[in-house]
N, C-alpha and C. Protein backbone atom coordinates (compact mmCIF):
# COMPACT_ATOMS: atom_id res chain seq x y z
N MET A 1 62.15 58.79 140.21
CA MET A 1 63.16 58.13 140.96
C MET A 1 64.38 59.17 141.07
N ILE A 2 64.85 59.37 142.30
CA ILE A 2 66.02 60.23 142.44
C ILE A 2 67.30 59.38 142.47
N THR A 3 67.15 58.17 142.98
CA THR A 3 68.36 57.30 143.07
C THR A 3 68.42 56.41 141.81
N GLU A 4 69.62 56.00 141.50
CA GLU A 4 69.84 55.11 140.37
C GLU A 4 70.69 53.94 140.82
N VAL A 5 70.28 52.74 140.54
CA VAL A 5 71.03 51.52 140.99
C VAL A 5 71.37 50.73 139.70
N LYS A 6 72.65 50.51 139.57
CA LYS A 6 73.15 49.74 138.47
C LYS A 6 73.02 48.25 138.73
N PRO A 7 73.04 47.37 137.71
CA PRO A 7 72.87 45.94 137.96
C PRO A 7 73.88 45.34 138.86
N ASN A 8 75.10 45.97 138.96
CA ASN A 8 76.15 45.40 139.83
C ASN A 8 75.97 45.87 141.27
N GLY A 9 74.92 46.65 141.53
CA GLY A 9 74.62 47.15 142.91
C GLY A 9 75.16 48.50 143.23
N GLU A 10 76.05 49.06 142.40
CA GLU A 10 76.49 50.38 142.60
C GLU A 10 75.34 51.36 142.44
N TRP A 11 75.26 52.43 143.28
CA TRP A 11 74.19 53.34 143.23
C TRP A 11 74.64 54.77 143.28
N SER A 12 73.79 55.62 142.87
CA SER A 12 74.02 57.07 142.89
C SER A 12 72.79 57.86 143.05
N VAL A 13 72.97 59.14 143.36
CA VAL A 13 71.78 60.08 143.43
C VAL A 13 72.05 61.15 142.41
N LYS A 14 71.06 61.42 141.60
CA LYS A 14 71.17 62.46 140.52
C LYS A 14 71.66 63.75 141.08
N GLY A 15 72.75 64.25 140.61
CA GLY A 15 73.25 65.60 140.98
C GLY A 15 74.02 65.66 142.32
N VAL A 16 74.29 64.50 142.97
CA VAL A 16 74.96 64.47 144.26
C VAL A 16 76.24 63.64 144.12
N ASP A 17 77.34 64.18 144.63
CA ASP A 17 78.61 63.45 144.72
C ASP A 17 78.63 62.76 146.11
N LEU A 18 78.35 61.47 146.10
CA LEU A 18 78.24 60.72 147.37
C LEU A 18 79.51 60.75 148.20
N LYS A 19 80.64 60.90 147.50
CA LYS A 19 81.93 60.95 148.17
C LYS A 19 82.11 62.20 149.02
N LYS A 20 81.39 63.27 148.74
CA LYS A 20 81.54 64.55 149.39
C LYS A 20 80.42 64.70 150.47
N CYS A 21 79.49 63.69 150.64
CA CYS A 21 78.43 63.83 151.62
C CYS A 21 78.97 63.58 153.07
N SER A 22 78.32 64.23 153.99
CA SER A 22 78.62 63.90 155.43
C SER A 22 78.01 62.58 155.73
N PRO A 23 78.48 61.91 156.77
CA PRO A 23 77.90 60.61 157.15
C PRO A 23 76.37 60.61 157.37
N GLU A 24 75.90 61.70 157.98
CA GLU A 24 74.44 61.88 158.16
C GLU A 24 73.70 61.96 156.87
N MET A 25 74.24 62.73 155.91
CA MET A 25 73.57 62.88 154.64
C MET A 25 73.64 61.54 153.82
N TYR A 26 74.73 60.85 153.92
CA TYR A 26 74.87 59.61 153.17
C TYR A 26 73.85 58.64 153.76
N GLY A 27 73.72 58.57 155.11
CA GLY A 27 72.72 57.70 155.70
C GLY A 27 71.28 58.02 155.28
N ALA A 28 70.96 59.32 155.15
CA ALA A 28 69.64 59.70 154.69
C ALA A 28 69.43 59.30 153.29
N LEU A 29 70.42 59.40 152.43
CA LEU A 29 70.30 59.02 151.02
C LEU A 29 70.23 57.52 150.86
N CYS A 30 70.82 56.74 151.81
CA CYS A 30 70.68 55.33 151.75
C CYS A 30 69.20 54.93 152.13
N LYS A 31 68.61 55.67 153.05
CA LYS A 31 67.22 55.43 153.41
C LYS A 31 66.29 55.79 152.22
N LEU A 32 66.62 56.83 151.49
CA LEU A 32 65.85 57.18 150.26
C LEU A 32 65.98 56.11 149.24
N ARG A 33 67.21 55.59 149.00
CA ARG A 33 67.40 54.54 148.07
C ARG A 33 66.60 53.28 148.43
N ASP A 34 66.62 52.89 149.69
CA ASP A 34 65.88 51.78 150.12
C ASP A 34 64.39 51.94 149.96
N TYR A 35 63.89 53.18 150.29
CA TYR A 35 62.47 53.48 150.17
C TYR A 35 62.09 53.37 148.68
N GLU A 36 62.88 53.95 147.79
CA GLU A 36 62.50 53.91 146.37
C GLU A 36 62.48 52.46 145.83
N LYS A 37 63.25 51.58 146.43
CA LYS A 37 63.28 50.14 145.98
C LYS A 37 61.97 49.52 146.26
N THR A 38 61.17 49.99 147.28
CA THR A 38 59.91 49.38 147.62
C THR A 38 58.86 49.58 146.56
N GLY A 39 58.95 50.67 145.76
CA GLY A 39 58.02 50.94 144.75
C GLY A 39 56.74 51.62 145.28
N LEU A 40 56.71 51.92 146.60
CA LEU A 40 55.58 52.55 147.22
C LEU A 40 55.58 54.02 147.03
N ASN A 41 54.41 54.68 147.19
CA ASN A 41 54.32 56.11 147.13
C ASN A 41 54.11 56.67 148.54
N PRO A 42 54.40 57.86 148.89
CA PRO A 42 54.18 58.42 150.23
C PRO A 42 52.77 58.22 150.70
N ASP A 43 51.78 58.31 149.75
CA ASP A 43 50.40 58.18 150.17
C ASP A 43 50.02 56.74 150.61
N ASP A 44 50.96 55.78 150.35
CA ASP A 44 50.66 54.43 150.67
C ASP A 44 50.92 54.24 152.26
N PHE A 45 51.59 55.16 152.88
CA PHE A 45 51.86 55.07 154.28
C PHE A 45 50.89 55.89 155.10
N VAL A 46 49.78 55.31 155.55
CA VAL A 46 48.87 56.01 156.34
C VAL A 46 48.73 55.16 157.61
N GLY A 47 49.01 55.71 158.71
CA GLY A 47 48.92 54.95 159.98
C GLY A 47 48.04 55.59 161.00
N LYS A 48 47.75 54.89 162.03
CA LYS A 48 46.91 55.45 163.09
C LYS A 48 47.65 56.65 163.73
N GLY A 49 46.93 57.64 163.99
CA GLY A 49 47.57 58.84 164.67
C GLY A 49 48.05 59.86 163.62
N TYR A 50 47.84 59.56 162.33
CA TYR A 50 48.29 60.51 161.30
C TYR A 50 47.10 61.12 160.62
N GLU A 51 47.15 62.34 160.21
CA GLU A 51 46.13 63.06 159.53
C GLU A 51 46.67 63.69 158.27
N LYS A 52 46.01 63.57 157.20
CA LYS A 52 46.47 64.16 155.92
C LYS A 52 46.08 65.54 155.90
N LYS A 53 47.05 66.46 155.56
CA LYS A 53 46.81 67.88 155.46
C LYS A 53 47.11 68.37 154.02
N TYR A 54 46.49 69.43 153.66
CA TYR A 54 46.71 69.96 152.32
C TYR A 54 47.10 71.48 152.42
N MET A 55 47.92 71.86 151.53
CA MET A 55 48.32 73.23 151.44
C MET A 55 48.26 73.63 149.95
N TYR A 56 48.19 74.93 149.70
CA TYR A 56 48.20 75.36 148.29
C TYR A 56 49.27 76.42 148.13
N LYS A 57 49.92 76.41 146.99
CA LYS A 57 50.94 77.37 146.73
C LYS A 57 50.57 78.10 145.39
N VAL A 58 50.65 79.43 145.40
CA VAL A 58 50.38 80.19 144.24
C VAL A 58 51.73 80.65 143.67
N PHE A 59 52.08 80.20 142.51
CA PHE A 59 53.30 80.58 141.87
C PHE A 59 52.98 81.73 140.86
N TYR A 60 53.89 82.67 140.65
CA TYR A 60 53.68 83.70 139.68
C TYR A 60 55.00 84.37 139.35
N LYS A 61 54.95 85.09 138.20
CA LYS A 61 56.13 85.88 137.81
C LYS A 61 55.67 87.32 137.75
N THR A 62 56.53 88.23 138.29
CA THR A 62 56.25 89.61 138.24
C THR A 62 56.49 90.20 136.77
N SER A 63 56.09 91.41 136.55
CA SER A 63 56.20 91.98 135.30
C SER A 63 57.68 92.16 134.89
N SER A 64 58.61 92.20 135.84
CA SER A 64 60.00 92.27 135.50
C SER A 64 60.56 91.02 134.94
N GLY A 65 59.77 89.87 134.97
CA GLY A 65 60.21 88.63 134.36
C GLY A 65 61.20 87.85 135.25
N ALA A 66 61.25 88.18 136.57
CA ALA A 66 62.17 87.45 137.41
C ALA A 66 61.72 86.04 137.62
N ASP A 67 62.46 85.31 138.37
CA ASP A 67 62.13 83.88 138.69
C ASP A 67 60.72 83.80 139.34
N PHE A 68 60.17 82.59 139.35
CA PHE A 68 58.87 82.38 139.96
C PHE A 68 58.90 82.68 141.44
N GLN A 69 57.92 83.33 141.97
CA GLN A 69 57.67 83.66 143.36
C GLN A 69 56.62 82.74 143.84
N GLY A 70 56.40 82.59 145.12
CA GLY A 70 55.34 81.68 145.68
C GLY A 70 54.78 82.24 146.90
N ILE A 71 53.45 81.96 147.09
CA ILE A 71 52.69 82.38 148.30
C ILE A 71 51.99 81.13 148.78
N LEU A 72 52.15 80.80 150.03
CA LEU A 72 51.49 79.67 150.65
C LEU A 72 50.09 80.01 151.20
N CYS A 73 49.12 79.12 150.98
CA CYS A 73 47.76 79.38 151.39
C CYS A 73 47.26 78.08 152.02
N GLU A 74 46.34 78.23 153.04
CA GLU A 74 45.78 77.07 153.74
C GLU A 74 44.53 76.54 153.00
N THR A 75 43.81 77.37 152.28
CA THR A 75 42.65 76.92 151.58
C THR A 75 42.70 77.16 150.11
N LYS A 76 42.01 76.30 149.29
CA LYS A 76 41.94 76.53 147.88
C LYS A 76 41.30 77.86 147.48
N GLU A 77 40.25 78.22 148.26
CA GLU A 77 39.63 79.47 147.96
C GLU A 77 40.53 80.63 148.20
N ASN A 78 41.33 80.65 149.20
CA ASN A 78 42.31 81.73 149.52
C ASN A 78 43.34 81.76 148.34
N ALA A 79 43.83 80.61 147.90
CA ALA A 79 44.79 80.55 146.84
C ALA A 79 44.18 81.09 145.48
N GLU A 80 42.96 80.80 145.20
CA GLU A 80 42.29 81.26 143.99
C GLU A 80 42.10 82.73 144.13
N GLN A 81 41.72 83.27 145.25
CA GLN A 81 41.59 84.78 145.40
C GLN A 81 42.89 85.46 145.15
N ILE A 82 43.99 84.95 145.73
CA ILE A 82 45.27 85.54 145.53
C ILE A 82 45.77 85.46 144.06
N ALA A 83 45.43 84.31 143.40
CA ALA A 83 45.77 84.17 141.99
C ALA A 83 45.03 85.24 141.18
N ASP A 84 43.76 85.46 141.51
CA ASP A 84 43.01 86.44 140.79
C ASP A 84 43.61 87.82 140.93
N MET A 85 43.98 88.19 142.21
CA MET A 85 44.55 89.48 142.47
C MET A 85 45.89 89.69 141.76
N LEU A 86 46.71 88.62 141.68
CA LEU A 86 48.03 88.68 141.05
C LEU A 86 47.83 88.90 139.53
N GLU A 87 46.83 88.21 138.94
CA GLU A 87 46.64 88.38 137.51
C GLU A 87 46.17 89.84 137.23
N LYS A 88 45.25 90.37 138.06
CA LYS A 88 44.82 91.73 137.91
C LYS A 88 45.92 92.76 138.10
N ALA A 89 46.96 92.37 138.96
CA ALA A 89 48.07 93.30 139.14
C ALA A 89 49.12 93.14 138.10
N GLY A 90 48.95 92.30 137.03
CA GLY A 90 49.85 92.23 135.95
C GLY A 90 50.82 91.15 136.02
N CYS A 91 50.77 90.27 137.01
CA CYS A 91 51.65 89.18 137.06
C CYS A 91 51.31 88.12 136.02
N SER A 92 52.32 87.41 135.53
CA SER A 92 52.10 86.39 134.49
C SER A 92 52.38 84.99 135.11
N ASN A 93 52.02 84.03 134.28
CA ASN A 93 52.18 82.61 134.61
C ASN A 93 51.68 82.28 136.05
N VAL A 94 50.49 82.74 136.40
CA VAL A 94 49.99 82.44 137.68
C VAL A 94 49.44 81.03 137.79
N LEU A 95 50.00 80.23 138.72
CA LEU A 95 49.57 78.85 138.88
C LEU A 95 49.26 78.51 140.27
N VAL A 96 48.24 77.64 140.51
CA VAL A 96 47.93 77.23 141.84
C VAL A 96 48.22 75.76 141.93
N ASN A 97 49.05 75.39 142.87
CA ASN A 97 49.36 73.91 143.05
C ASN A 97 48.97 73.47 144.44
N GLN A 98 48.58 72.22 144.58
CA GLN A 98 48.19 71.62 145.86
C GLN A 98 49.16 70.52 146.15
N TRP A 99 49.49 70.37 147.37
CA TRP A 99 50.25 69.22 147.87
C TRP A 99 49.76 68.79 149.22
N SER A 100 50.05 67.53 149.54
CA SER A 100 49.58 66.97 150.80
C SER A 100 50.74 66.42 151.59
N TRP A 101 50.57 66.26 152.91
CA TRP A 101 51.51 65.63 153.71
C TRP A 101 50.76 65.06 154.87
N GLN A 102 51.42 64.16 155.60
CA GLN A 102 50.81 63.54 156.74
C GLN A 102 51.37 64.17 158.03
N VAL A 103 50.47 64.44 158.98
CA VAL A 103 50.85 65.06 160.24
C VAL A 103 50.60 64.07 161.38
N PHE A 104 51.49 63.89 162.26
CA PHE A 104 51.24 63.07 163.40
C PHE A 104 50.48 63.80 164.43
N ILE A 105 49.42 63.28 164.91
CA ILE A 105 48.52 63.91 165.86
C ILE A 105 48.74 63.17 167.20
N GLU A 106 49.24 63.86 168.21
CA GLU A 106 49.43 63.32 169.52
C GLU A 106 48.18 63.39 170.31
N GLU A 107 47.85 62.34 171.02
CA GLU A 107 46.60 62.36 171.80
C GLU A 107 46.97 62.51 173.22
């Protein structure tokens, strides 16, 4: 949960000063707060006209030890090939992550 609600109804967002937010940002955070109150997960919302899509991201560190870098891939096979190449090139902490989202398909 990103939002926190006290028993008295006062609420906050971790790491955000709500007093400094624009009206648009405040409205978006209110929607996030209300969504989190439902207890539902994003995967619970599947409607007609939506298709679930998957992407893969390969995270790695270069030999210089800089922050993690990332490469987006459309297929798991492509992500695994890139991960193998990065490991052979001397990169460390090579990780492959998958995430999903829903795409609206217009007919």
